């Protein structure tokens, strides 16, 4: 892909999504921040506008599982930039509970945020790019292959995202390439809190599962994102960035 192309990253006001947005902006892309709630998106918008120019970035509020809101987001992006070249489906939530305590509401919320969100945003990307080549990157998780305790909703959603990637790749080739990025233990706030990484005991326990002997950094993920974007003969693939924690 070329500089000046347009990238939409869902769930990109904070965390990994925000780092992906920053990495694209730094490489000369125009970027669309997607967010659900007001607050952090304004800070990121101001930061990128100050660094790269206010004509290089917009922020669009949309629940990724709400089709009318997603349509409006694409329309705003296209009205501003003329097109959307790359979609990175990064939005998602965790609402963990033991299997017997997951409610219908928390099941639906997690499935919607991940699996339905990938579906709706991916489909609308295609509808808004009827005759142009493109790239979609879906975010998976190793738990979508291995499972884990207290996260049946999350694991099921991520398993769905992995298989959805393959289906999309088969049907959208050769015009649109669709791949899945599967990050591991990276220093996001969610990972730090989940595995208690601010304590010596929690950090030591997690490091013991990593053959590389260290946690991943945001740069490790963003480097792979750009590799996928530039991998012109690759579609339907999974890319694990996890220090060897899960090998497949």
C-alpha atoms as a PDB file:
ATOM      1  CA  UNK A   1       0.000   0.000   0.000  1.00  0.00           C
ATOM      2  CA  UNK A   2       1.122   3.558  -0.610  1.00  0.00           C
ATOM      3  CA  UNK A   3       1.591   6.493   1.687  1.00  0.00           C
ATOM      4  CA  UNK A   4      -1.444   8.793   1.789  1.00  0.00           C
ATOM      5  CA  UNK A   5      -3.788   5.805   1.763  1.00  0.00           C
ATOM      6  CA  UNK A   6      -6.618   5.848   4.308  1.00  0.00           C
ATOM      7  CA  UNK A   7      -6.755   3.497   7.285  1.00  0.00           C
ATOM      8  CA  UNK A   8      -9.726   2.866   9.555  1.00  0.00           C
ATOM      9  CA  UNK A   9      -8.944   1.139  12.850  1.00  0.00           C
ATOM     10  CA  UNK A  10     -11.899   0.150  15.011  1.00  0.00           C
ATOM     11  CA  UNK A  11     -11.604   0.476  18.768  1.00  0.00           C
ATOM     12  CA  UNK A  12      -8.663   2.809  18.323  1.00  0.00           C
ATOM     13  CA  UNK A  13      -9.106   5.488  20.973  1.00  0.00           C
ATOM     14  CA  UNK A  14      -6.865   3.671  23.455  1.00  0.00           C
ATOM     15  CA  UNK A  15      -4.594   0.671  23.898  1.00  0.00           C
ATOM     16  CA  UNK A  16      -3.405  -1.417  20.988  1.00  0.00           C
ATOM     17  CA  UNK A  17      -5.803   0.214  18.533  1.00  0.00           C
ATOM     18  CA  UNK A  18      -4.404   3.652  19.330  1.00  0.00           C
ATOM     19  CA  UNK A  19      -0.847   2.431  18.822  1.00  0.00           C
ATOM     20  CA  UNK A  20      -1.803   0.981  15.435  1.00  0.00           C
ATOM     21  CA  UNK A  21      -3.364   4.319  14.439  1.00  0.00           C
ATOM     22  CA  UNK A  22      -0.227   6.192  15.540  1.00  0.00           C
ATOM     23  CA  UNK A  23       2.004   3.840  13.544  1.00  0.00           C
ATOM     24  CA  UNK A  24       0.016   4.404  10.357  1.00  0.00           C
ATOM     25  CA  UNK A  25      -0.053   8.168  10.850  1.00  0.00           C
ATOM     26  CA  UNK A  26       3.716   8.173  11.367  1.00  0.00           C
ATOM     27  CA  UNK A  27       4.150   6.357   8.056  1.00  0.00           C
ATOM     28  CA  UNK A  28       2.196   8.963   6.126  1.00  0.00           C
ATOM     29  CA  UNK A  29      -1.244   7.387   6.026  1.00  0.00           C
ATOM     30  CA  UNK A  30      -4.438   9.310   6.683  1.00  0.00           C
ATOM     31  CA  UNK A  31      -6.265   7.756   9.595  1.00  0.00           C
ATOM     32  CA  UNK A  32      -9.778   7.274  10.933  1.00  0.00           C
ATOM     33  CA  UNK A  33     -10.106   6.768  14.686  1.00  0.00           C
ATOM     34  CA  UNK A  34     -13.155   4.780  15.733  1.00  0.00           C
ATOM     35  CA  UNK A  35     -14.408   5.004  19.292  1.00  0.00           C
ATOM     36  CA  UNK A  36     -17.453   4.037  21.315  1.00  0.00           C
ATOM     37  CA  UNK A  37     -17.443   6.603  24.126  1.00  0.00           C
ATOM     38  CA  UNK A  38     -16.239  10.199  24.252  1.00  0.00           C
ATOM     39  CA  UNK A  39     -13.003  11.030  26.025  1.00  0.00           C
ATOM     40  CA  UNK A  40      -9.767   9.419  24.919  1.00  0.00           C
ATOM     41  CA  UNK A  41     -10.505   9.757  21.197  1.00  0.00           C
ATOM     42  CA  UNK A  42     -10.325  13.558  21.480  1.00  0.00           C
ATOM     43  CA  UNK A  43      -6.859  13.334  23.026  1.00  0.00           C
ATOM     44  CA  UNK A  44      -5.593  11.052  20.287  1.00  0.00           C
ATOM     45  CA  UNK A  45      -7.189  13.179  17.573  1.00  0.00           C
ATOM     46  CA  UNK A  46      -5.480  16.291  18.937  1.00  0.00           C
ATOM     47  CA  UNK A  47      -2.144  14.489  19.244  1.00  0.00           C
ATOM     48  CA  UNK A  48      -2.132  13.214  15.664  1.00  0.00           C
ATOM     49  CA  UNK A  49      -3.479  16.484  14.228  1.00  0.00           C
ATOM     50  CA  UNK A  50      -0.748  18.450  15.995  1.00  0.00           C
ATOM     51  CA  UNK A  51       1.962  16.099  14.743  1.00  0.00           C
ATOM     52  CA  UNK A  52       0.758  15.449  11.196  1.00  0.00           C
ATOM     53  CA  UNK A  53      -1.893  18.070  10.414  1.00  0.00           C
ATOM     54  CA  UNK A  54      -5.601  18.267  11.105  1.00  0.00           C
ATOM     55  CA  UNK A  55      -6.349  17.214   7.541  1.00  0.00           C
ATOM     56  CA  UNK A  56      -4.776  13.807   8.187  1.00  0.00           C
ATOM     57  CA  UNK A  57      -7.098  12.446  10.877  1.00  0.00           C
ATOM     58  CA  UNK A  58     -10.739  12.259  11.878  1.00  0.00           C
ATOM     59  CA  UNK A  59     -12.541  10.494  14.722  1.00  0.00           C
ATOM     60  CA  UNK A  60     -15.853   8.702  14.237  1.00  0.00           C
ATOM     61  CA  UNK A  61     -18.059   7.404  17.022  1.00  0.00           C
ATOM     62  CA  UNK A  62     -19.730   4.086  16.256  1.00  0.00           C
ATOM     63  CA  UNK A  63     -20.674   0.867  17.980  1.00  0.00           C
ATOM     64  CA  UNK A  64     -19.087  -1.621  15.586  1.00  0.00           C
ATOM     65  CA  UNK A  65     -22.037  -4.025  15.852  1.00  0.00           C
ATOM     66  CA  UNK A  66     -24.567  -1.299  14.952  1.00  0.00           C
ATOM     67  CA  UNK A  67     -24.854  -1.301  11.163  1.00  0.00           C
ATOM     68  CA  UNK A  68     -26.405   2.186  10.740  1.00  0.00           C
ATOM     69  CA  UNK A  69     -23.644   3.657  12.911  1.00  0.00           C
ATOM     70  CA  UNK A  70     -20.963   1.791  10.945  1.00  0.00           C
ATOM     71  CA  UNK A  71     -22.435   2.982   7.648  1.00  0.00           C
ATOM     72  CA  UNK A  72     -22.367   6.547   8.940  1.00  0.00           C
ATOM     73  CA  UNK A  73     -18.723   6.085   9.971  1.00  0.00           C
ATOM     74  CA  UNK A  74     -17.713   4.961   6.481  1.00  0.00           C
ATOM     75  CA  UNK A  75     -19.685   7.776   4.899  1.00  0.00           C
ATOM     76  CA  UNK A  76     -17.922  10.316   7.114  1.00  0.00           C
ATOM     77  CA  UNK A  77     -14.515   8.838   6.266  1.00  0.00           C
ATOM     78  CA  UNK A  78     -15.231   8.812   2.539  1.00  0.00           C
ATOM     79  CA  UNK A  79     -16.696  12.308   2.646  1.00  0.00           C
ATOM     80  CA  UNK A  80     -13.477  13.529   4.264  1.00  0.00           C
ATOM     81  CA  UNK A  81     -10.807  11.449   2.533  1.00  0.00           C
ATOM     82  CA  UNK A  82     -12.512  10.064  -0.558  1.00  0.00           C
ATOM     83  CA  UNK A  83     -11.986   6.403   0.309  1.00  0.00           C
ATOM     84  CA  UNK A  84     -10.963   3.841   2.918  1.00  0.00           C
ATOM     85  CA  UNK A  85      -8.103   1.616   1.773  1.00  0.00           C
ATOM     86  CA  UNK A  86      -7.345  -0.478   4.864  1.00  0.00           C
ATOM     87  CA  UNK A  87      -9.571  -1.744   7.663  1.00  0.00           C
ATOM     88  CA  UNK A  88      -8.129  -3.041  10.936  1.00  0.00           C
ATOM     89  CA  UNK A  89     -10.803  -4.670  13.105  1.00  0.00           C
ATOM     90  CA  UNK A  90      -9.442  -4.073  16.599  1.00  0.00           C
ATOM     91  CA  UNK A  91     -12.555  -3.281  18.665  1.00  0.00           C
ATOM     92  CA  UNK A  92     -13.514  -5.690  21.418  1.00  0.00           C
ATOM     93  CA  UNK A  93     -14.247  -6.154  25.102  1.00  0.00           C
ATOM     94  CA  UNK A  94     -13.725  -8.715  27.857  1.00  0.00           C
ATOM     95  CA  UNK A  95     -16.515  -9.526  30.296  1.00  0.00           C
ATOM     96  CA  UNK A  96     -15.130 -12.587  32.050  1.00  0.00           C
ATOM     97  CA  UNK A  97     -17.103 -14.945  34.281  1.00  0.00           C
ATOM     98  CA  UNK A  98     -17.157 -18.677  35.008  1.00  0.00           C
ATOM     99  CA  UNK A  99     -19.115 -20.496  32.305  1.00  0.00           C
ATOM    100  CA  UNK A 100     -22.170 -21.067  34.512  1.00  0.00           C
ATOM    101  CA  UNK A 101     -22.275 -17.377  35.478  1.00  0.00           C
ATOM    102  CA  UNK A 102     -22.142 -15.832  32.002  1.00  0.00           C
ATOM    103  CA  UNK A 103     -25.438 -14.088  31.352  1.00  0.00           C
ATOM    104  CA  UNK A 104     -27.194 -13.748  28.042  1.00  0.00           C
ATOM    105  CA  UNK A 105     -26.340 -10.053  28.167  1.00  0.00           C
ATOM    106  CA  UNK A 106     -22.588 -10.514  28.689  1.00  0.00           C
ATOM    107  CA  UNK A 107     -22.491 -13.289  26.106  1.00  0.00           C
ATOM    108  CA  UNK A 108     -24.188 -11.092  23.510  1.00  0.00           C
ATOM    109  CA  UNK A 109     -22.085  -8.041  24.377  1.00  0.00           C
ATOM    110  CA  UNK A 110     -18.780  -9.840  23.838  1.00  0.00           C
ATOM    111  CA  UNK A 111     -19.894 -11.705  20.705  1.00  0.00           C
ATOM    112  CA  UNK A 112     -21.236  -8.437  19.276  1.00  0.00           C
ATOM    113  CA  UNK A 113     -18.106  -6.425  20.028  1.00  0.00           C
ATOM    114  CA  UNK A 114     -15.751  -8.958  18.448  1.00  0.00           C
ATOM    115  CA  UNK A 115     -17.432 -11.308  15.984  1.00  0.00           C
ATOM    116  CA  UNK A 116     -20.410  -9.258  14.863  1.00  0.00           C
ATOM    117  CA  UNK A 117     -18.247  -6.143  14.793  1.00  0.00           C
ATOM    118  CA  UNK A 118     -15.710  -7.810  12.499  1.00  0.00           C
ATOM    119  CA  UNK A 119     -18.572  -9.007  10.291  1.00  0.00           C
ATOM    120  CA  UNK A 120     -20.437  -5.700  10.051  1.00  0.00           C
ATOM    121  CA  UNK A 121     -17.343  -3.512   9.610  1.00  0.00           C
ATOM    122  CA  UNK A 122     -15.863  -5.949   7.107  1.00  0.00           C
ATOM    123  CA  UNK A 123     -19.048  -6.180   5.089  1.00  0.00           C
ATOM    124  CA  UNK A 124     -19.530  -2.409   5.009  1.00  0.00           C
ATOM    125  CA  UNK A 125     -15.889  -2.011   3.968  1.00  0.00           C
ATOM    126  CA  UNK A 126     -16.642  -4.166   0.936  1.00  0.00           C
ATOM    127  CA  UNK A 127     -19.878  -2.313   0.187  1.00  0.00           C
ATOM    128  CA  UNK A 128     -18.039   1.021   0.313  1.00  0.00           C
ATOM    129  CA  UNK A 129     -15.202  -0.280  -1.889  1.00  0.00           C
ATOM    130  CA  UNK A 130     -17.101  -1.828  -4.798  1.00  0.00           C
ATOM    131  CA  UNK A 131     -14.278  -1.721  -7.323  1.00  0.00           C
ATOM    132  CA  UNK A 132     -11.004  -1.076  -5.497  1.00  0.00           C
ATOM    133  CA  UNK A 133      -8.334  -3.384  -4.101  1.00  0.00           C
ATOM    134  CA  UNK A 134      -8.013  -3.410  -0.336  1.00  0.00           C
ATOM    135  CA  UNK A 135      -6.783  -4.964   2.887  1.00  0.00           C
ATOM    136  CA  UNK A 136      -8.649  -6.137   5.981  1.00  0.00           C
ATOM    137  CA  UNK A 137      -6.859  -7.256   9.142  1.00  0.00           C
ATOM    138  CA  UNK A 138      -8.943  -8.982  11.808  1.00  0.00           C
ATOM    139  CA  UNK A 139      -7.707  -9.267  15.377  1.00  0.00           C
ATOM    140  CA  UNK A 140      -7.785 -12.779  16.792  1.00  0.00           C
ATOM    141  CA  UNK A 141      -6.489 -14.283  20.023  1.00  0.00           C
ATOM    142  CA  UNK A 142      -4.709 -17.517  20.899  1.00  0.00           C
ATOM    143  CA  UNK A 143      -7.566 -18.193  23.316  1.00  0.00           C
ATOM    144  CA  UNK A 144      -9.725 -18.595  20.228  1.00  0.00           C
ATOM    145  CA  UNK A 145      -7.768 -21.788  19.564  1.00  0.00           C
ATOM    146  CA  UNK A 146      -6.828 -22.949  23.068  1.00  0.00           C
ATOM    147  CA  UNK A 147      -9.753 -21.737  25.197  1.00  0.00           C
ATOM    148  CA  UNK A 148      -9.297 -20.513  28.767  1.00  0.00           C
ATOM    149  CA  UNK A 149     -11.167 -20.496  32.024  1.00  0.00           C
ATOM    150  CA  UNK A 150     -13.746 -17.792  32.694  1.00  0.00           C
ATOM    151  CA  UNK A 151     -13.768 -16.531  29.132  1.00  0.00           C
ATOM    152  CA  UNK A 152     -16.085 -18.741  27.087  1.00  0.00           C
ATOM    153  CA  UNK A 153     -17.723 -15.713  25.478  1.00  0.00           C
ATOM    154  CA  UNK A 154     -14.389 -14.135  24.516  1.00  0.00           C
ATOM    155  CA  UNK A 155     -12.839 -17.404  23.322  1.00  0.00           C
ATOM    156  CA  UNK A 156     -15.877 -18.293  21.237  1.00  0.00           C
ATOM    157  CA  UNK A 157     -15.903 -14.820  19.690  1.00  0.00           C
ATOM    158  CA  UNK A 158     -12.210 -14.951  18.805  1.00  0.00           C
ATOM    159  CA  UNK A 159     -12.518 -18.468  17.396  1.00  0.00           C
ATOM    160  CA  UNK A 160     -15.256 -17.090  15.191  1.00  0.00           C
ATOM    161  CA  UNK A 161     -13.049 -14.190  14.083  1.00  0.00           C
ATOM    162  CA  UNK A 162     -10.299 -16.611  13.033  1.00  0.00           C
ATOM    163  CA  UNK A 163     -12.663 -18.694  10.891  1.00  0.00           C
ATOM    164  CA  UNK A 164     -14.475 -15.608   9.607  1.00  0.00           C
ATOM    165  CA  UNK A 165     -11.117 -14.381   8.307  1.00  0.00           C
ATOM    166  CA  UNK A 166     -10.751 -17.524   6.192  1.00  0.00           C
ATOM    167  CA  UNK A 167     -14.274 -17.245   4.816  1.00  0.00           C
ATOM    168  CA  UNK A 168     -13.798 -13.591   3.957  1.00  0.00           C
ATOM    169  CA  UNK A 169     -10.439 -14.291   2.323  1.00  0.00           C
ATOM    170  CA  UNK A 170     -11.920 -17.034   0.141  1.00  0.00           C
ATOM    171  CA  UNK A 171     -14.849 -14.948  -1.018  1.00  0.00           C
ATOM    172  CA  UNK A 172     -13.162 -11.569  -1.403  1.00  0.00           C
ATOM    173  CA  UNK A 173     -10.025 -12.718  -3.233  1.00  0.00           C
ATOM    174  CA  UNK A 174      -8.319 -11.615  -5.325  1.00  0.00           C
ATOM    175  CA  UNK A 175      -9.425  -8.010  -4.910  1.00  0.00           C
ATOM    176  CA  UNK A 176      -9.372  -7.769  -1.107  1.00  0.00           C
ATOM    177  CA  UNK A 177      -6.832  -9.546   1.079  1.00  0.00           C
ATOM    178  CA  UNK A 178      -8.031 -10.598   4.535  1.00  0.00           C
ATOM    179  CA  UNK A 179      -5.684 -11.829   7.256  1.00  0.00           C
ATOM    180  CA  UNK A 180      -5.775 -12.356  11.005  1.00  0.00           C
ATOM    181  CA  UNK A 181      -3.321 -10.913  13.515  1.00  0.00           C
ATOM    182  CA  UNK A 182      -3.075 -12.853  16.780  1.00  0.00           C
ATOM    183  CA  UNK A 183      -1.213 -10.870  19.460  1.00  0.00           C
ATOM    184  CA  UNK A 184       0.039 -12.414  22.689  1.00  0.00           C
ATOM    185  CA  UNK A 185       1.300 -10.980  25.958  1.00  0.00           C
ATOM    186  CA  UNK A 186       1.889  -7.371  25.016  1.00  0.00           C
ATOM    187  CA  UNK A 187       2.044  -4.513  27.515  1.00  0.00           C
ATOM    188  CA  UNK A 188      -1.536  -3.376  27.128  1.00  0.00           C
ATOM    189  CA  UNK A 189      -3.479  -2.245  30.185  1.00  0.00           C
ATOM    190  CA  UNK A 190      -5.848  -5.193  29.783  1.00  0.00           C
ATOM    191  CA  UNK A 191      -3.004  -7.752  29.740  1.00  0.00           C
ATOM    192  CA  UNK A 192      -1.250  -6.107  32.679  1.00  0.00           C
ATOM    193  CA  UNK A 193      -4.401  -6.205  34.781  1.00  0.00           C
ATOM    194  CA  UNK A 194      -5.514  -9.691  33.702  1.00  0.00           C
ATOM    195  CA  UNK A 195      -2.208 -11.345  34.565  1.00  0.00           C
ATOM    196  CA  UNK A 196      -1.266  -9.098  37.496  1.00  0.00           C
ATOM    197  CA  UNK A 197       1.928  -8.056  35.730  1.00  0.00           C
ATOM    198  CA  UNK A 198       2.639  -5.135  38.047  1.00  0.00           C
ATOM    199  CA  UNK A 199       3.609  -7.611  40.767  1.00  0.00           C
ATOM    200  CA  UNK A 200       6.845  -9.607  40.733  1.00  0.00           C
ATOM    201  CA  UNK A 201       4.960 -12.884  41.167  1.00  0.00           C
ATOM    202  CA  UNK A 202       2.503 -12.180  38.363  1.00  0.00           C
ATOM    203  CA  UNK A 203       5.224 -11.058  35.981  1.00  0.00           C
ATOM    204  CA  UNK A 204       7.431 -14.072  36.746  1.00  0.00           C
ATOM    205  CA  UNK A 205       4.504 -16.449  36.155  1.00  0.00           C
ATOM    206  CA  UNK A 206       3.727 -14.926  32.774  1.00  0.00           C
ATOM    207  CA  UNK A 207       7.357 -14.768  31.651  1.00  0.00           C
ATOM    208  CA  UNK A 208       7.699 -18.473  32.417  1.00  0.00           C
ATOM    209  CA  UNK A 209       5.198 -19.152  29.593  1.00  0.00           C
ATOM    210  CA  UNK A 210       7.182 -17.129  27.034  1.00  0.00           C
ATOM    211  CA  UNK A 211      10.092 -18.858  25.268  1.00  0.00           C
ATOM    212  CA  UNK A 212      11.385 -15.430  24.258  1.00  0.00           C
ATOM    213  CA  UNK A 213      11.624 -14.564  27.950  1.00  0.00           C
ATOM    214  CA  UNK A 214      10.027 -11.137  27.691  1.00  0.00           C
ATOM    215  CA  UNK A 215       6.727  -9.385  27.137  1.00  0.00           C
ATOM    216  CA  UNK A 216       5.888  -7.989  23.748  1.00  0.00           C
ATOM    217  CA  UNK A 217       5.875  -4.267  23.075  1.00  0.00           C
ATOM    218  CA  UNK A 218       3.378  -2.286  20.993  1.00  0.00           C
ATOM    219  CA  UNK A 219       6.031  -1.965  18.300  1.00  0.00           C
ATOM    220  CA  UNK A 220       6.120  -5.744  17.876  1.00  0.00           C
ATOM    221  CA  UNK A 221       2.434  -5.685  16.956  1.00  0.00           C
ATOM    222  CA  UNK A 222       2.536  -2.610  14.741  1.00  0.00           C
ATOM    223  CA  UNK A 223       5.542  -3.970  12.850  1.00  0.00           C
ATOM    224  CA  UNK A 224       3.533  -7.097  12.005  1.00  0.00           C
ATOM    225  CA  UNK A 225       0.505  -5.020  10.986  1.00  0.00           C
ATOM    226  CA  UNK A 226       2.614  -3.273   8.357  1.00  0.00           C
ATOM    227  CA  UNK A 227       4.147  -6.566   7.222  1.00  0.00           C
ATOM    228  CA  UNK A 228       0.635  -7.915   6.626  1.00  0.00           C
ATOM    229  CA  UNK A 229      -0.382  -4.789   4.729  1.00  0.00           C
ATOM    230  CA  UNK A 230       2.624  -5.197   2.438  1.00  0.00           C
ATOM    231  CA  UNK A 231       2.283  -8.985   1.988  1.00  0.00           C
ATOM    232  CA  UNK A 232       0.667  -8.861  -1.432  1.00  0.00           C
ATOM    233  CA  UNK A 233       0.515 -12.631  -2.005  1.00  0.00           C
ATOM    234  CA  UNK A 234      -0.934 -13.521   1.395  1.00  0.00           C
ATOM    235  CA  UNK A 235      -4.568 -13.932   2.364  1.00  0.00           C
ATOM    236  CA  UNK A 236      -6.504 -16.085   4.824  1.00  0.00           C
ATOM    237  CA  UNK A 237      -3.466 -16.424   7.093  1.00  0.00           C
ATOM    238  CA  UNK A 238      -2.942 -16.104  10.850  1.00  0.00           C
ATOM    239  CA  UNK A 239       0.060 -14.182  12.142  1.00  0.00           C
ATOM    240  CA  UNK A 240       1.059 -14.959  15.737  1.00  0.00           C
ATOM    241  CA  UNK A 241       3.017 -12.308  17.630  1.00  0.00           C
ATOM    242  CA  UNK A 242       3.436 -13.852  21.056  1.00  0.00           C
ATOM    243  CA  UNK A 243       7.069 -14.643  21.808  1.00  0.00           C
ATOM    244  CA  UNK A 244       6.442 -18.344  21.215  1.00  0.00           C
ATOM    245  CA  UNK A 245       3.792 -18.533  23.924  1.00  0.00           C
ATOM    246  CA  UNK A 246       1.450 -20.336  21.552  1.00  0.00           C
ATOM    247  CA  UNK A 247       2.858 -22.092  18.498  1.00  0.00           C
ATOM    248  CA  UNK A 248       0.649 -23.272  15.664  1.00  0.00           C
END
